[in-house]
């Protein structure tokens, strides 16, 4: 694995996980097609389920290639904020934040 500089922030959603093949299929905001990459030891357990939404960083070279080729080491993944809420819960949370005049935290 190459230790390339990860300087491009992405967000995505897990489409599927194939534990037998050791791969995870991702829908990522900067690619048109689903991206299938090897499961990495740096991927947290919560990420290894369909519909998990996340943010992370990738090397800019992946954008130039037009694909995630799995040739770099993943670093940290963060769960997208409030992705565990259903639509009604999310709207209520936003109403509460708006009433309190606060920022989303």
N, C-alpha and C. Protein backbone atom coordinates (compact mmCIF):
# COMPACT_ATOMS: atom_id res chain seq x y z
N UNK A 1 0.83 -1.19 0.00
CA UNK A 1 0.00 0.00 0.00
C UNK A 1 0.87 1.25 0.00
N UNK A 2 0.41 2.23 -0.71
CA UNK A 2 1.13 3.49 -0.83
C UNK A 2 0.63 4.47 0.22
N UNK A 3 1.54 5.19 0.85
CA UNK A 3 1.17 6.22 1.82
C UNK A 3 1.05 7.55 1.09
N UNK A 4 0.04 7.67 0.24
CA UNK A 4 -0.19 8.90 -0.51
C UNK A 4 -0.86 9.93 0.38
N UNK A 5 -0.60 11.19 0.08
CA UNK A 5 -1.24 12.28 0.82
C UNK A 5 -2.74 12.27 0.54
N UNK A 6 -3.53 12.25 1.59
CA UNK A 6 -4.98 12.26 1.43
C UNK A 6 -5.46 13.68 1.65
N UNK A 7 -5.75 14.36 0.56
CA UNK A 7 -6.07 15.76 0.64
C UNK A 7 -7.42 16.12 0.03
N UNK A 8 -8.21 15.13 -0.33
CA UNK A 8 -9.50 15.40 -0.94
C UNK A 8 -10.60 14.80 -0.07
N UNK A 9 -11.43 15.66 0.51
CA UNK A 9 -12.52 15.21 1.38
C UNK A 9 -13.67 14.67 0.54
N UNK A 10 -14.19 13.52 0.94
CA UNK A 10 -15.32 12.91 0.25
C UNK A 10 -16.38 12.50 1.27
N UNK A 11 -17.58 12.31 0.77
CA UNK A 11 -18.63 11.72 1.60
C UNK A 11 -19.27 10.62 0.77
N UNK A 12 -19.83 9.65 1.45
CA UNK A 12 -20.41 8.54 0.73
C UNK A 12 -21.32 7.69 1.58
N UNK A 13 -21.85 6.68 0.95
CA UNK A 13 -22.75 5.72 1.60
C UNK A 13 -22.32 4.33 1.18
N UNK A 14 -22.33 3.41 2.13
CA UNK A 14 -22.01 2.02 1.83
C UNK A 14 -23.19 1.40 1.08
N UNK A 15 -22.90 0.86 -0.08
CA UNK A 15 -23.93 0.20 -0.87
C UNK A 15 -24.06 -1.26 -0.46
N UNK A 16 -22.92 -1.95 -0.35
CA UNK A 16 -22.95 -3.36 0.07
C UNK A 16 -21.59 -3.76 0.62
N UNK A 17 -21.60 -4.85 1.38
CA UNK A 17 -20.38 -5.41 1.95
C UNK A 17 -20.34 -6.89 1.58
N UNK A 18 -19.22 -7.33 1.03
CA UNK A 18 -19.04 -8.74 0.69
C UNK A 18 -17.89 -9.26 1.54
N UNK A 19 -18.22 -9.79 2.71
CA UNK A 19 -17.18 -10.24 3.63
C UNK A 19 -16.41 -11.44 3.07
N UNK A 20 -17.05 -12.29 2.29
CA UNK A 20 -16.36 -13.44 1.71
C UNK A 20 -15.27 -13.01 0.73
N UNK A 21 -15.58 -11.98 -0.06
CA UNK A 21 -14.60 -11.47 -1.03
C UNK A 21 -13.68 -10.42 -0.40
N UNK A 22 -14.06 -9.95 0.81
CA UNK A 22 -13.26 -8.93 1.48
C UNK A 22 -13.34 -7.57 0.83
N UNK A 23 -14.54 -7.25 0.28
CA UNK A 23 -14.71 -5.97 -0.39
C UNK A 23 -15.92 -5.22 0.14
N UNK A 24 -15.90 -3.91 -0.10
CA UNK A 24 -17.00 -3.05 0.27
C UNK A 24 -17.30 -2.18 -0.94
N UNK A 25 -18.58 -2.02 -1.24
CA UNK A 25 -19.00 -1.23 -2.40
C UNK A 25 -19.58 0.10 -1.90
N UNK A 26 -19.01 1.19 -2.42
CA UNK A 26 -19.34 2.53 -1.93
C UNK A 26 -19.93 3.40 -3.03
N UNK A 27 -20.89 4.20 -2.64
CA UNK A 27 -21.38 5.28 -3.49
C UNK A 27 -20.74 6.54 -2.94
N UNK A 28 -19.89 7.19 -3.74
CA UNK A 28 -19.10 8.33 -3.27
C UNK A 28 -19.45 9.57 -4.09
N UNK A 29 -19.51 10.71 -3.42
CA UNK A 29 -20.00 11.94 -4.05
C UNK A 29 -19.21 12.39 -5.27
N UNK A 30 -17.97 12.04 -5.43
CA UNK A 30 -17.17 12.55 -6.55
C UNK A 30 -16.99 11.54 -7.69
N UNK A 31 -17.69 10.41 -7.62
CA UNK A 31 -17.62 9.41 -8.68
C UNK A 31 -19.03 9.04 -9.13
N UNK A 32 -19.20 8.84 -10.42
CA UNK A 32 -20.53 8.49 -10.94
C UNK A 32 -20.89 7.04 -10.67
N UNK A 33 -19.90 6.16 -10.73
CA UNK A 33 -20.14 4.73 -10.57
C UNK A 33 -19.86 4.29 -9.13
N UNK A 34 -20.49 3.17 -8.74
CA UNK A 34 -20.17 2.57 -7.45
C UNK A 34 -18.70 2.17 -7.45
N UNK A 35 -18.06 2.29 -6.30
CA UNK A 35 -16.64 1.98 -6.16
C UNK A 35 -16.49 0.76 -5.26
N UNK A 36 -15.84 -0.29 -5.75
CA UNK A 36 -15.59 -1.49 -4.95
C UNK A 36 -14.12 -1.48 -4.54
N UNK A 37 -13.89 -1.52 -3.23
CA UNK A 37 -12.53 -1.48 -2.70
C UNK A 37 -12.36 -2.59 -1.66
N UNK A 38 -11.12 -3.00 -1.41
CA UNK A 38 -10.88 -4.00 -0.36
C UNK A 38 -11.25 -3.45 1.02
N UNK A 39 -11.80 -4.30 1.86
CA UNK A 39 -12.05 -3.91 3.24
C UNK A 39 -10.70 -3.74 3.92
N UNK A 40 -10.55 -2.64 4.61
CA UNK A 40 -9.28 -2.32 5.27
C UNK A 40 -9.42 -2.42 6.78
N UNK A 41 -8.33 -2.74 7.45
CA UNK A 41 -8.36 -2.81 8.92
C UNK A 41 -8.63 -1.44 9.54
N UNK A 42 -8.45 -0.37 8.78
CA UNK A 42 -8.73 0.96 9.31
C UNK A 42 -10.21 1.34 9.21
N UNK A 43 -11.00 0.49 8.58
CA UNK A 43 -12.44 0.77 8.47
C UNK A 43 -13.12 0.35 9.76
N UNK A 44 -13.81 1.30 10.41
CA UNK A 44 -14.48 0.96 11.68
C UNK A 44 -15.66 0.00 11.45
N UNK A 45 -16.03 -0.71 12.48
CA UNK A 45 -17.12 -1.68 12.38
C UNK A 45 -18.43 -1.09 11.90
N UNK A 46 -18.76 0.12 12.37
CA UNK A 46 -20.03 0.73 11.97
C UNK A 46 -20.10 0.97 10.47
N UNK A 47 -18.94 1.10 9.81
CA UNK A 47 -18.90 1.35 8.37
C UNK A 47 -19.28 0.10 7.57
N UNK A 48 -19.10 -1.06 8.15
CA UNK A 48 -19.28 -2.31 7.42
C UNK A 48 -20.72 -2.80 7.43
N UNK A 49 -21.62 -1.88 7.11
CA UNK A 49 -23.04 -2.22 6.98
C UNK A 49 -23.66 -1.36 5.89
N UNK A 50 -24.57 -1.93 5.11
CA UNK A 50 -25.21 -1.15 4.06
C UNK A 50 -25.89 0.10 4.63
N UNK A 51 -25.85 1.17 3.87
CA UNK A 51 -26.46 2.46 4.17
C UNK A 51 -25.72 3.28 5.21
N UNK A 52 -24.57 2.81 5.69
CA UNK A 52 -23.76 3.63 6.59
C UNK A 52 -23.23 4.82 5.79
N UNK A 53 -23.41 6.02 6.31
CA UNK A 53 -22.90 7.21 5.60
C UNK A 53 -21.66 7.71 6.33
N UNK A 54 -20.72 8.22 5.55
CA UNK A 54 -19.40 8.54 6.11
C UNK A 54 -18.76 9.71 5.39
N UNK A 55 -17.71 10.23 6.02
CA UNK A 55 -16.79 11.17 5.38
C UNK A 55 -15.39 10.64 5.63
N UNK A 56 -14.48 10.93 4.70
CA UNK A 56 -13.08 10.56 4.82
C UNK A 56 -12.29 11.38 3.82
N UNK A 57 -11.03 11.10 3.69
CA UNK A 57 -10.19 11.77 2.70
C UNK A 57 -9.49 10.73 1.83
N UNK A 58 -9.29 11.11 0.57
CA UNK A 58 -8.61 10.25 -0.39
C UNK A 58 -7.53 11.06 -1.10
N UNK A 59 -6.59 10.38 -1.73
CA UNK A 59 -5.60 11.11 -2.53
C UNK A 59 -6.26 11.77 -3.75
N UNK A 60 -5.81 12.93 -4.10
CA UNK A 60 -6.31 13.64 -5.28
C UNK A 60 -6.13 12.79 -6.54
N UNK A 61 -5.11 11.96 -6.56
CA UNK A 61 -4.84 11.13 -7.74
C UNK A 61 -6.02 10.20 -8.07
N UNK A 62 -6.81 9.82 -7.07
CA UNK A 62 -7.99 8.98 -7.33
C UNK A 62 -8.99 9.72 -8.21
N UNK A 63 -9.13 11.03 -7.98
CA UNK A 63 -10.03 11.82 -8.82
C UNK A 63 -9.53 11.86 -10.26
N UNK A 64 -8.22 12.03 -10.40
CA UNK A 64 -7.63 12.07 -11.73
C UNK A 64 -7.82 10.74 -12.46
N UNK A 65 -7.77 9.63 -11.72
CA UNK A 65 -7.94 8.29 -12.30
C UNK A 65 -9.42 7.98 -12.54
N UNK A 66 -10.29 8.67 -11.82
CA UNK A 66 -11.72 8.44 -11.95
C UNK A 66 -12.22 7.23 -11.19
N UNK A 67 -11.43 6.75 -10.23
CA UNK A 67 -11.84 5.57 -9.47
C UNK A 67 -11.01 5.43 -8.20
N UNK A 68 -11.60 4.75 -7.23
CA UNK A 68 -10.87 4.34 -6.03
C UNK A 68 -10.28 2.98 -6.36
N UNK A 69 -8.97 2.91 -6.44
CA UNK A 69 -8.36 1.65 -6.86
C UNK A 69 -7.83 0.81 -5.70
N UNK A 70 -7.95 1.31 -4.48
CA UNK A 70 -7.49 0.53 -3.33
C UNK A 70 -5.99 0.49 -3.17
N UNK A 71 -5.26 1.34 -3.89
CA UNK A 71 -3.79 1.31 -3.82
C UNK A 71 -3.23 2.20 -2.72
N UNK A 72 -4.09 2.77 -1.91
CA UNK A 72 -3.63 3.64 -0.83
C UNK A 72 -4.19 3.15 0.49
N UNK A 73 -3.58 3.59 1.57
CA UNK A 73 -4.06 3.22 2.90
C UNK A 73 -5.12 4.21 3.35
N UNK A 74 -6.29 3.68 3.71
CA UNK A 74 -7.34 4.53 4.26
C UNK A 74 -6.89 5.02 5.63
N UNK A 75 -7.33 6.18 6.00
CA UNK A 75 -7.02 6.67 7.34
C UNK A 75 -8.30 6.66 8.17
N UNK A 76 -8.78 7.79 8.58
CA UNK A 76 -9.94 7.80 9.46
C UNK A 76 -11.24 8.01 8.70
N UNK A 77 -12.28 7.44 9.24
CA UNK A 77 -13.63 7.60 8.72
C UNK A 77 -14.47 8.23 9.83
N UNK A 78 -15.34 9.14 9.46
CA UNK A 78 -16.27 9.73 10.42
C UNK A 78 -17.68 9.45 9.92
N UNK A 79 -18.55 9.13 10.87
CA UNK A 79 -19.96 8.95 10.51
C UNK A 79 -20.54 10.32 10.20
N UNK A 80 -21.39 10.39 9.18
CA UNK A 80 -22.03 11.66 8.87
C UNK A 80 -22.99 12.00 10.00
N UNK A 81 -22.96 13.24 10.40
CA UNK A 81 -23.74 13.71 11.53
C UNK A 81 -25.24 13.49 11.30
N UNK A 82 -25.90 12.97 12.29
CA UNK A 82 -27.35 12.73 12.32
C UNK A 82 -27.83 11.69 11.32
N UNK A 83 -26.94 10.91 10.73
CA UNK A 83 -27.37 9.92 9.74
C UNK A 83 -28.16 8.77 10.37
N UNK A 84 -28.12 8.65 11.68
CA UNK A 84 -28.86 7.60 12.37
C UNK A 84 -30.33 7.98 12.57
N UNK A 85 -30.68 9.24 12.33
CA UNK A 85 -32.05 9.69 12.53
C UNK A 85 -32.90 9.42 11.30
N UNK A 86 -34.17 9.06 11.51
CA UNK A 86 -35.06 8.96 10.35
C UNK A 86 -35.53 10.38 10.00
N UNK A 87 -36.29 10.51 8.94
CA UNK A 87 -36.67 11.83 8.43
C UNK A 87 -37.42 12.67 9.46
N UNK A 88 -38.36 12.07 10.16
CA UNK A 88 -39.15 12.80 11.15
C UNK A 88 -38.27 13.26 12.31
N UNK A 89 -37.40 12.38 12.80
CA UNK A 89 -36.49 12.75 13.89
C UNK A 89 -35.53 13.86 13.46
N UNK A 90 -35.06 13.79 12.23
CA UNK A 90 -34.14 14.81 11.73
C UNK A 90 -34.84 16.17 11.64
N UNK A 91 -36.05 16.19 11.11
CA UNK A 91 -36.79 17.46 11.03
C UNK A 91 -37.05 18.05 12.42
N UNK A 92 -37.38 17.19 13.37
CA UNK A 92 -37.60 17.68 14.75
C UNK A 92 -36.30 18.23 15.34
N UNK A 93 -35.21 17.56 15.09
CA UNK A 93 -33.90 18.04 15.58
C UNK A 93 -33.58 19.41 14.98
N UNK A 94 -33.83 19.58 13.68
CA UNK A 94 -33.58 20.87 13.03
C UNK A 94 -34.50 21.96 13.57
N UNK A 95 -35.77 21.62 13.83
CA UNK A 95 -36.69 22.60 14.44
C UNK A 95 -36.19 23.04 15.81
N UNK A 96 -35.73 22.09 16.59
CA UNK A 96 -35.22 22.41 17.93
C UNK A 96 -34.00 23.32 17.84
N UNK A 97 -33.10 23.01 16.95
CA UNK A 97 -31.91 23.84 16.77
C UNK A 97 -32.31 25.25 16.34
N UNK A 98 -33.27 25.33 15.41
CA UNK A 98 -33.72 26.64 14.91
C UNK A 98 -34.37 27.45 16.04
N UNK A 99 -35.23 26.80 16.84
CA UNK A 99 -35.89 27.49 17.96
C UNK A 99 -34.89 28.02 18.96
N UNK A 100 -33.83 27.25 19.19
CA UNK A 100 -32.81 27.64 20.16
C UNK A 100 -31.83 28.64 19.59
N UNK A 101 -31.93 28.88 18.26
CA UNK A 101 -31.05 29.85 17.63
C UNK A 101 -29.61 29.39 17.58
N UNK A 102 -29.41 28.11 17.70
CA UNK A 102 -28.04 27.59 17.74
C UNK A 102 -27.62 27.00 16.42
N UNK A 103 -26.40 26.60 16.42
CA UNK A 103 -25.80 25.96 15.24
C UNK A 103 -25.95 24.45 15.39
N UNK A 104 -25.90 23.77 14.28
CA UNK A 104 -25.92 22.30 14.30
C UNK A 104 -24.61 21.82 14.88
N UNK A 105 -24.71 20.95 15.88
CA UNK A 105 -23.48 20.43 16.50
C UNK A 105 -23.46 18.94 16.48
